[in-house]
Protein backbone atom coordinates (compact mmCIF):
# COMPACT_ATOMS: atom_id res chain seq x y z
CA MET A 1 0.00 0.00 0.00
CA ILE A 2 1.31 3.45 -0.97
CA ARG A 3 0.77 6.16 1.65
CA ILE A 4 0.65 9.71 0.30
CA GLY A 5 0.74 12.78 2.53
CA LEU A 6 -1.10 15.60 0.75
CA THR A 7 -0.77 19.14 2.04
CA GLY A 8 -0.66 22.76 0.97
CA SER A 9 -1.27 26.17 2.47
CA ILE A 10 -4.74 27.68 2.66
CA GLY A 11 -6.20 28.51 -0.75
CA MET A 12 -3.73 26.37 -2.69
CA GLY A 13 -6.28 23.84 -3.99
CA LYS A 14 -5.47 20.98 -1.63
CA SER A 15 -9.08 19.83 -1.23
CA THR A 16 -9.63 19.80 -4.98
CA THR A 17 -6.41 17.84 -5.41
CA ALA A 18 -7.60 15.31 -2.81
CA ARG A 19 -10.81 14.80 -4.79
CA LEU A 20 -8.76 14.16 -7.92
CA PHE A 21 -6.78 11.46 -6.11
CA GLU A 22 -10.07 9.91 -4.97
CA GLU A 23 -11.42 10.12 -8.52
CA ASN A 24 -8.43 8.05 -9.61
CA GLY A 25 -8.89 5.22 -7.14
CA ALA A 26 -7.18 6.39 -3.95
CA LEU A 27 -8.81 6.29 -0.52
CA VAL A 28 -8.66 9.72 1.14
CA TYR A 29 -8.48 10.62 4.82
CA ASP A 30 -9.75 14.20 5.12
CA ALA A 31 -8.41 15.83 8.29
CA ASP A 32 -10.63 18.90 7.91
CA ALA A 33 -13.74 16.76 7.58
CA GLU A 34 -12.72 14.81 10.68
CA VAL A 35 -12.33 18.04 12.66
CA ALA A 36 -15.80 19.09 11.49
CA ARG A 37 -17.22 15.81 12.85
CA LEU A 38 -15.44 16.29 16.17
CA TYR A 39 -16.80 19.84 16.47
CA ALA A 40 -20.38 19.00 15.44
CA ALA A 41 -23.14 18.46 18.00
CA GLY A 42 -22.37 15.21 19.80
CA GLY A 43 -18.76 15.24 18.60
CA ALA A 44 -16.03 14.08 20.95
CA ALA A 45 -14.29 17.47 20.98
CA VAL A 46 -17.32 19.57 21.95
CA GLY A 47 -17.09 19.05 25.71
CA PRO A 48 -13.35 19.53 26.21
CA VAL A 49 -13.12 22.43 23.76
CA GLY A 50 -16.04 24.15 25.47
CA GLU A 51 -14.34 23.80 28.85
CA ALA A 52 -11.01 25.12 27.55
CA PHE A 53 -12.53 27.99 25.55
CA PRO A 54 -15.68 29.35 27.21
CA GLY A 55 -18.25 30.86 24.88
CA VAL A 56 -17.39 28.88 21.73
CA ILE A 57 -20.23 26.34 21.98
CA VAL A 58 -23.39 27.31 20.09
CA SER A 59 -26.39 24.95 19.84
CA GLY A 60 -24.29 22.09 21.17
CA ALA A 61 -21.50 22.42 18.60
CA VAL A 62 -18.19 24.25 18.42
CA ASP A 63 -18.59 27.57 16.60
CA ARG A 64 -15.38 27.67 14.56
CA GLN A 65 -15.50 31.41 14.05
CA LYS A 66 -15.78 32.07 17.78
CA LEU A 67 -13.03 29.54 18.42
CA GLY A 68 -10.83 31.16 15.79
CA LEU A 69 -11.10 34.50 17.55
CA GLN A 70 -9.66 32.89 20.67
CA VAL A 71 -6.79 30.98 19.07
CA LEU A 72 -5.62 32.74 15.89
CA GLY A 73 -2.39 34.56 16.54
CA ARG A 74 -2.20 33.14 20.08
CA PRO A 75 0.33 30.29 20.17
CA GLU A 76 -0.46 29.21 23.75
CA ALA A 77 -4.18 28.97 23.03
CA LEU A 78 -3.52 27.08 19.80
CA GLU A 79 -1.28 24.65 21.66
CA ARG A 80 -4.04 24.09 24.22
CA LEU A 81 -6.53 23.38 21.41
CA ASN A 82 -4.15 21.00 19.63
CA ALA A 83 -3.63 19.05 22.85
CA ILE A 84 -7.37 18.34 22.84
CA VAL A 85 -7.96 17.72 19.15
CA TRP A 86 -4.84 15.86 17.99
CA PRO A 87 -5.32 12.74 20.16
CA LEU A 88 -8.92 12.49 18.90
CA MET A 89 -7.68 12.88 15.34
CA GLY A 90 -5.16 10.10 15.96
CA LYS A 91 -7.93 7.69 16.91
CA ALA A 92 -9.90 8.60 13.79
CA ARG A 93 -6.87 8.05 11.61
CA GLU A 94 -6.23 4.64 13.15
CA ALA A 95 -9.81 3.65 12.33
CA PHE A 96 -9.33 4.90 8.75
CA ASP A 97 -6.11 2.88 8.42
CA SER A 98 -7.93 -0.27 9.52
CA ARG A 99 -10.69 0.29 6.97
CA ALA A 100 -8.15 1.04 4.22
CA LEU A 101 -6.20 -2.13 4.98
CA ALA A 102 -9.36 -4.22 4.92
CA SER A 103 -10.45 -2.66 1.61
CA GLY A 104 -7.32 -3.78 -0.23
CA ALA A 105 -6.72 -0.28 -1.61
CA ASP A 106 -3.31 0.19 -3.22
CA VAL A 107 -3.09 3.95 -2.51
CA ILE A 108 -4.28 5.99 0.46
CA VAL A 109 -4.01 9.75 0.75
CA TYR A 110 -3.82 11.66 4.02
CA ASP A 111 -5.19 15.14 3.30
CA ILE A 112 -3.67 17.07 6.22
CA PRO A 113 -3.22 20.88 6.22
CA LEU A 114 -0.39 20.89 8.78
CA LEU A 115 1.31 17.67 7.67
CA LEU A 116 4.83 19.13 7.56
CA GLU A 117 4.36 21.49 10.50
CA THR A 118 3.54 18.53 12.76
CA GLY A 119 6.14 16.08 11.42
CA GLY A 120 3.46 13.94 9.79
CA GLU A 121 5.68 13.27 6.78
CA ARG A 122 7.40 10.59 8.87
CA ASN A 123 4.24 8.48 8.63
CA VAL A 124 3.87 8.50 4.83
CA ASP A 125 5.85 7.23 1.85
CA VAL A 126 5.75 10.42 -0.23
CA VAL A 127 4.66 14.04 0.21
CA VAL A 128 2.55 15.83 -2.41
CA ILE A 129 2.13 19.60 -2.25
CA ALA A 130 -0.75 21.52 -3.84
CA THR A 131 0.45 24.98 -4.79
CA ALA A 132 -0.45 28.14 -6.72
CA PRO A 133 0.97 31.67 -7.05
CA ALA A 134 0.57 33.84 -3.95
CA GLU A 135 -1.70 36.34 -5.74
CA LEU A 136 -4.13 33.59 -6.74
CA GLN A 137 -3.99 32.12 -3.24
CA ARG A 138 -5.02 35.46 -1.69
CA GLU A 139 -7.77 35.93 -4.26
CA ARG A 140 -9.21 32.49 -3.51
CA VAL A 141 -9.07 32.86 0.27
CA LEU A 142 -10.43 36.40 0.48
CA ALA A 143 -13.43 35.32 -1.61
CA ARG A 144 -14.50 33.00 1.23
CA PRO A 145 -17.34 34.10 3.54
CA ALA A 146 -16.23 35.98 6.68
CA MET A 147 -12.57 35.95 5.61
CA THR A 148 -10.54 39.12 6.19
CA GLU A 149 -6.98 40.23 5.48
CA ASP A 150 -6.12 40.05 9.19
CA LYS A 151 -7.53 36.55 9.53
CA LEU A 152 -5.65 35.39 6.43
CA GLU A 153 -2.37 36.80 7.75
CA ALA A 154 -2.87 35.01 11.07
CA ILE A 155 -3.53 31.71 9.28
CA LEU A 156 -0.48 32.11 7.02
CA ALA A 157 1.69 32.91 10.05
CA ALA A 158 0.77 29.52 11.54
CA GLN A 159 1.64 27.64 8.33
CA MET A 160 4.99 26.78 6.79
CA PRO A 161 5.80 29.05 3.81
CA ASP A 162 4.78 27.59 0.46
CA ALA A 163 8.35 27.76 -0.86
CA GLU A 164 9.58 25.57 2.00
CA LYS A 165 6.74 23.10 1.47
CA ARG A 166 7.61 22.82 -2.20
CA ARG A 167 11.27 22.29 -1.32
CA ARG A 168 10.36 19.35 0.91
CA ALA A 169 7.84 17.76 -1.48
CA ASP A 170 8.33 14.61 -3.51
CA PHE A 171 5.69 15.75 -6.00
CA ILE A 172 4.01 19.10 -6.71
CA VAL A 173 0.54 19.75 -8.15
CA ASP A 174 0.18 23.25 -9.61
CA THR A 175 -3.51 24.08 -9.24
CA SER A 176 -3.28 27.45 -10.97
CA LEU A 177 -3.55 25.95 -14.45
CA GLY A 178 -7.12 24.67 -14.14
CA LEU A 179 -8.86 21.43 -13.24
CA ASP A 180 -7.84 19.30 -16.24
CA PRO A 181 -4.09 20.05 -15.91
CA ALA A 182 -4.31 19.32 -12.18
CA ARG A 183 -6.07 16.03 -12.95
CA GLN A 184 -3.30 15.12 -15.39
CA GLN A 185 -0.65 15.88 -12.78
CA VAL A 186 -2.40 13.67 -10.23
CA GLN A 187 -2.73 10.85 -12.75
CA SER A 188 0.97 11.13 -13.58
CA ILE A 189 1.93 10.96 -9.89
CA LEU A 190 -0.23 7.89 -9.34
CA ALA A 191 1.13 6.18 -12.46
CA THR A 192 4.70 6.79 -11.27
CA LEU A 193 4.04 5.53 -7.75
CA ARG A 194 2.11 2.47 -8.87
CA SER A 195 4.82 1.61 -11.36
CA GLN A 196 7.52 1.93 -8.70
CA SER A 197 5.57 -0.23 -6.25
CA LYS A 198 5.49 -3.09 -8.78
CA GLN A 199 9.24 -3.09 -9.35
CA PRO A 200 11.07 -5.99 -7.68
CA MET A 201 13.29 -5.27 -4.69
CA PRO A 202 17.04 -5.25 -5.55
């Protein structure tokens, strides 16, 4: 089984790239979707996050905007949040790994925004970076609801610079060229990896 770590800074097209991998037969673990489940009403993170950050629970779920106001740009608060969420994410990933192994899939993709920042590349075979020019990145992100320049700067400050991510990548998907070129890049990566996995050991 080939384990791909997929990452990329905000607005770089990582989620679209993950869907293209899925479209081409890979199983995808979506870290953002898992966080959403943990924060939803009845989610395992609701209680502890509410205790650590008073006022962020609305209608039984974590209000991510309210939570963001308490943690963005505040390293100690972010560390406190990560100490709650990361162990829960680890359990979810273990369950995904078990399902992937049972399915017989030949490629699994871990779609993780902070893969490199957290040392997650140690747990995968290759790292794929989704990237785009900085101007396009800002345009994409600022078009999102409730996004502001200040919020974007705080998010970027918490993420590894794109140039460093590209330097550490095994493969790069340039999402600025459109969907079909990105699809072709993903197909080329998968063809290369699948070919390599079939080669006999020396």
